[in-house]
Amino acid sequence: MAKLVVSILSSLDNYCAGPGGRLDMLPMGPAFDAHNLELMRSAGTLLFGATTFPMFEGYWPNVDRGPASDPVQREIAERADAAHKLVASDTLVVAKTSPWAGAEVVKRTRVHARITELKAQAGADLLIFGSSVLFNDLLAHGLVDEFHLLVGNVVLGGGVRTFQPGSSAPFKLLGQRRLAGSDIAALHYDCRAH
C-alpha cells in the first residue's frame, strides 16, 4: 500500500505563510530543498490544493536543467515533471498549454475516495507539500500516514495557520533532527491510529 505523506514548513508560531500568503518570510533554502528531494525520491504522486498547484506549475517546469544548474533543484524539477499530479479543486482548470496539462483535477467531494484508491495501490507514496487547507482536511479524515513538520526559526505574527483550529491526529514521533546547514527543526510523525 502507498502512504500519504505531508511535509510543511511552519514558523514557530504556527504559520505556513505570512500575511497575504507570503512564503518569502519562511527560511527556505538549500537545506529545505534537500529535505524535499529526499521525500520526492519515494513519491509517485504529488497532491495539491488550488493555491499551491499554480505556484509549483509556474516554477518547477522553468527550473534550469543545464549541466551548470543546481543538482538538487534540477532533480526536484525532473521528479515533479515525472510525477502523477492530483489537484483537489472545484474551480481550477489546468491550461492545455501548461507543461503540466496532464494533471488530474478532482472535485473536493471526490478527493477522499480518489486518494483512498491511490493509497490502495502498491507503489510509490503520495506526497503533499504545503496545501494547508487540503492536508488539514485529509488529517481530520484519517487519510494522512506520515507528517513532516519543519519548524523554521522565525516568528511571523500572522498569516496562514499551519494547523486549523480543531485539527487533531494521533501524532507519534518517529524522529527529530536539525536540517544540515540550517536552523530548521525537522519533526517526523506517524499519523496512523495505533
Protein backbone atom coordinates (compact mmCIF):
# COMPACT_ATOMS: atom_id res chain seq x y z
CA MET A 1 0.00 0.00 0.00
CA ALA A 2 1.14 3.53 -0.76
CA LYS A 3 1.44 6.05 2.08
CA LEU A 4 0.15 9.61 2.12
CA VAL A 5 2.97 11.85 3.36
CA VAL A 6 2.65 15.54 4.23
CA SER A 7 5.56 17.96 4.54
CA ILE A 8 5.05 21.52 5.72
CA LEU A 9 7.39 24.35 6.71
CA SER A 10 5.97 26.31 9.61
CA SER A 11 7.01 29.28 11.71
CA LEU A 12 7.47 28.88 15.45
CA ASP A 13 4.05 30.50 15.94
CA ASN A 14 2.10 28.07 13.67
CA TYR A 15 2.05 29.87 10.31
CA CYS A 16 2.91 28.19 6.99
CA ALA A 17 2.75 31.52 5.14
CA GLY A 18 2.96 35.12 6.25
CA PRO A 19 0.36 37.87 5.87
CA GLY A 20 -1.15 37.85 2.39
CA GLY A 21 0.08 34.28 1.86
CA ARG A 22 3.72 35.40 1.55
CA LEU A 23 6.16 32.48 1.57
CA ASP A 24 9.37 34.52 1.38
CA MET A 25 9.21 35.14 5.12
CA LEU A 26 9.99 31.45 5.81
CA PRO A 27 13.57 30.11 5.84
CA MET A 28 13.59 28.21 2.55
CA GLY A 29 16.96 27.39 1.05
CA PRO A 30 19.35 24.53 0.27
CA ALA A 31 18.53 22.51 3.44
CA PHE A 32 14.80 22.83 2.75
CA ASP A 33 15.29 21.76 -0.89
CA ALA A 34 17.43 18.76 0.14
CA HIS A 35 14.70 17.60 2.56
CA ASN A 36 12.03 17.96 -0.14
CA LEU A 37 14.10 15.98 -2.63
CA GLU A 38 14.59 13.18 -0.10
CA LEU A 39 10.80 12.85 0.20
CA MET A 40 10.24 13.11 -3.55
CA ARG A 41 12.51 10.13 -4.19
CA SER A 42 9.83 7.90 -2.61
CA ALA A 43 6.83 9.64 -4.19
CA GLY A 44 4.93 8.81 -7.35
CA THR A 45 2.01 11.22 -6.90
CA LEU A 46 2.10 14.87 -5.84
CA LEU A 47 -1.13 16.21 -4.30
CA PHE A 48 -2.01 19.89 -4.44
CA GLY A 49 -4.69 22.33 -3.43
CA ALA A 50 -5.87 25.04 -5.83
CA THR A 51 -3.47 27.65 -4.40
CA THR A 52 -0.30 25.55 -4.29
CA PHE A 53 -0.63 23.92 -7.71
CA PRO A 54 -0.25 27.15 -9.74
CA MET A 55 2.81 28.11 -7.67
CA PHE A 56 4.52 24.78 -8.40
CA GLU A 57 3.32 24.78 -12.03
CA GLY A 58 4.73 28.27 -12.54
CA TYR A 59 8.12 27.46 -11.00
CA TRP A 60 9.34 23.87 -11.43
CA PRO A 61 8.89 23.39 -15.20
CA ASN A 62 11.06 26.52 -15.68
CA VAL A 63 14.00 25.45 -13.50
CA ASP A 64 17.31 25.36 -15.37
CA ARG A 65 18.21 21.74 -16.18
CA GLY A 66 21.57 22.50 -17.75
CA PRO A 67 24.85 20.93 -16.57
CA ALA A 68 25.75 24.06 -14.56
CA SER A 69 22.40 24.16 -12.73
CA ASP A 70 21.87 23.32 -9.06
CA PRO A 71 21.67 19.49 -8.96
CA VAL A 72 19.08 19.41 -6.15
CA GLN A 73 16.77 21.89 -7.89
CA ARG A 74 17.26 20.05 -11.19
CA GLU A 75 16.32 16.67 -9.68
CA ILE A 76 13.27 18.12 -7.90
CA ALA A 77 12.13 19.66 -11.21
CA GLU A 78 12.63 16.38 -13.07
CA ARG A 79 10.79 14.36 -10.41
CA ALA A 80 7.95 16.91 -10.24
CA ASP A 81 7.53 16.73 -14.03
CA ALA A 82 7.52 12.91 -14.00
CA ALA A 83 5.14 12.50 -11.04
CA HIS A 84 1.39 12.00 -11.36
CA LYS A 85 -0.17 15.27 -10.20
CA LEU A 86 -3.56 15.41 -8.49
CA VAL A 87 -5.24 18.73 -7.65
CA ALA A 88 -8.18 18.95 -5.24
CA SER A 89 -10.32 21.81 -6.52
CA ASP A 90 -13.84 22.64 -7.60
CA THR A 91 -12.75 25.58 -9.76
CA LEU A 92 -9.20 25.09 -11.09
CA VAL A 93 -8.78 24.36 -14.79
CA VAL A 94 -5.30 23.40 -15.99
CA ALA A 95 -4.45 25.13 -19.26
CA LYS A 96 -3.97 22.84 -22.24
CA THR A 97 -0.71 24.69 -22.93
CA SER A 98 0.65 24.02 -19.42
CA PRO A 99 3.70 21.76 -19.14
CA TRP A 100 1.59 20.00 -16.51
CA ALA A 101 -1.56 19.80 -18.67
CA GLY A 102 -1.92 16.13 -17.70
CA ALA A 103 -2.61 16.94 -14.03
CA GLU A 104 -5.72 15.25 -12.67
CA VAL A 105 -8.21 17.71 -11.13
CA VAL A 106 -10.62 16.12 -8.65
CA LYS A 107 -13.66 17.80 -7.11
CA ARG A 108 -13.35 18.23 -3.35
CA THR A 109 -16.35 15.93 -2.79
CA ARG A 110 -14.45 13.12 -4.59
CA VAL A 111 -10.94 13.73 -3.30
CA HIS A 112 -11.16 11.39 -0.26
CA ALA A 113 -12.35 8.50 -2.43
CA ARG A 114 -9.70 9.17 -5.09
CA ILE A 115 -6.90 9.34 -2.52
CA THR A 116 -8.15 6.13 -0.91
CA GLU A 117 -7.99 4.45 -4.35
CA LEU A 118 -4.43 5.66 -4.93
CA LYS A 119 -3.31 4.61 -1.45
CA ALA A 120 -4.71 1.10 -2.01
CA GLN A 121 -2.34 0.59 -4.92
CA ALA A 122 1.10 -0.83 -4.33
CA GLY A 123 3.90 1.51 -5.16
CA ALA A 124 5.27 4.96 -4.54
CA ASP A 125 3.96 7.37 -1.92
CA LEU A 126 1.53 10.23 -2.33
CA LEU A 127 3.16 13.49 -1.22
CA ILE A 128 1.81 16.91 -0.25
CA PHE A 129 3.99 19.99 0.16
CA GLY A 130 2.13 22.86 1.77
CA SER A 131 -1.53 22.92 0.69
CA SER A 132 -2.65 23.54 4.27
CA VAL A 133 -6.40 23.51 3.55
CA LEU A 134 -6.07 20.14 1.83
CA PHE A 135 -3.77 18.47 4.34
CA ASN A 136 -5.84 19.68 7.33
CA ASP A 137 -8.93 18.12 5.72
CA LEU A 138 -7.11 14.85 4.98
CA LEU A 139 -5.64 14.78 8.50
CA ALA A 140 -9.11 15.26 10.02
CA HIS A 141 -10.38 12.29 7.98
CA GLY A 142 -7.55 9.93 8.94
CA LEU A 143 -6.01 9.77 5.46
CA VAL A 144 -2.51 11.05 6.36
CA ASP A 145 0.04 8.34 7.22
CA GLU A 146 3.20 10.39 7.87
CA PHE A 147 3.73 14.04 8.68
CA HIS A 148 6.96 16.00 8.36
CA LEU A 149 6.73 19.25 10.31
CA LEU A 150 9.64 21.55 9.54
CA VAL A 151 9.82 24.30 12.15
CA GLY A 152 11.64 27.37 10.89
CA ASN A 153 13.49 29.75 13.18
CA VAL A 154 11.08 32.65 12.58
CA VAL A 155 8.00 34.18 14.20
CA LEU A 156 5.59 35.63 11.63
CA GLY A 157 2.92 37.10 13.92
CA GLY A 158 0.14 36.38 11.43
CA GLY A 159 -0.70 34.80 8.10
CA VAL A 160 -1.94 31.36 7.06
CA ARG A 161 -2.19 28.96 10.01
CA THR A 162 -0.36 25.66 9.62
CA PHE A 163 -2.93 23.78 11.69
CA GLN A 164 -6.53 24.92 11.58
CA PRO A 165 -8.39 25.15 14.90
CA GLY A 166 -9.75 21.75 15.87
CA SER A 167 -7.10 19.79 13.94
CA SER A 168 -6.14 16.53 15.56
CA ALA A 169 -4.40 13.29 14.70
CA PRO A 170 -2.58 10.58 16.65
CA PHE A 171 0.85 12.17 16.13
CA LYS A 172 3.52 9.64 17.20
CA LEU A 173 7.06 10.99 16.96
CA LEU A 174 9.28 8.83 14.75
CA GLY A 175 12.29 11.10 14.59
CA GLN A 176 13.69 14.57 15.05
CA ARG A 177 16.71 16.29 13.59
CA ARG A 178 18.14 19.60 12.54
CA LEU A 179 18.32 20.02 8.78
CA ALA A 180 22.01 20.21 7.91
CA GLY A 181 23.29 23.73 7.39
CA SER A 182 20.16 25.38 8.78
CA ASP A 183 18.25 26.26 11.93
CA ILE A 184 15.19 24.28 10.78
CA ALA A 185 13.98 21.54 13.14
CA ALA A 186 12.54 18.54 11.30
CA LEU A 187 9.95 16.51 13.21
CA HIS A 188 8.75 13.25 11.63
CA TYR A 189 5.43 11.77 12.83
CA ASP A 190 3.34 8.68 12.21
CA CYS A 191 -0.31 9.77 11.99
CA ARG A 192 -1.96 6.36 11.77
CA ALA A 193 -4.09 5.22 14.69
CA HIS A 194 -2.22 2.69 16.83
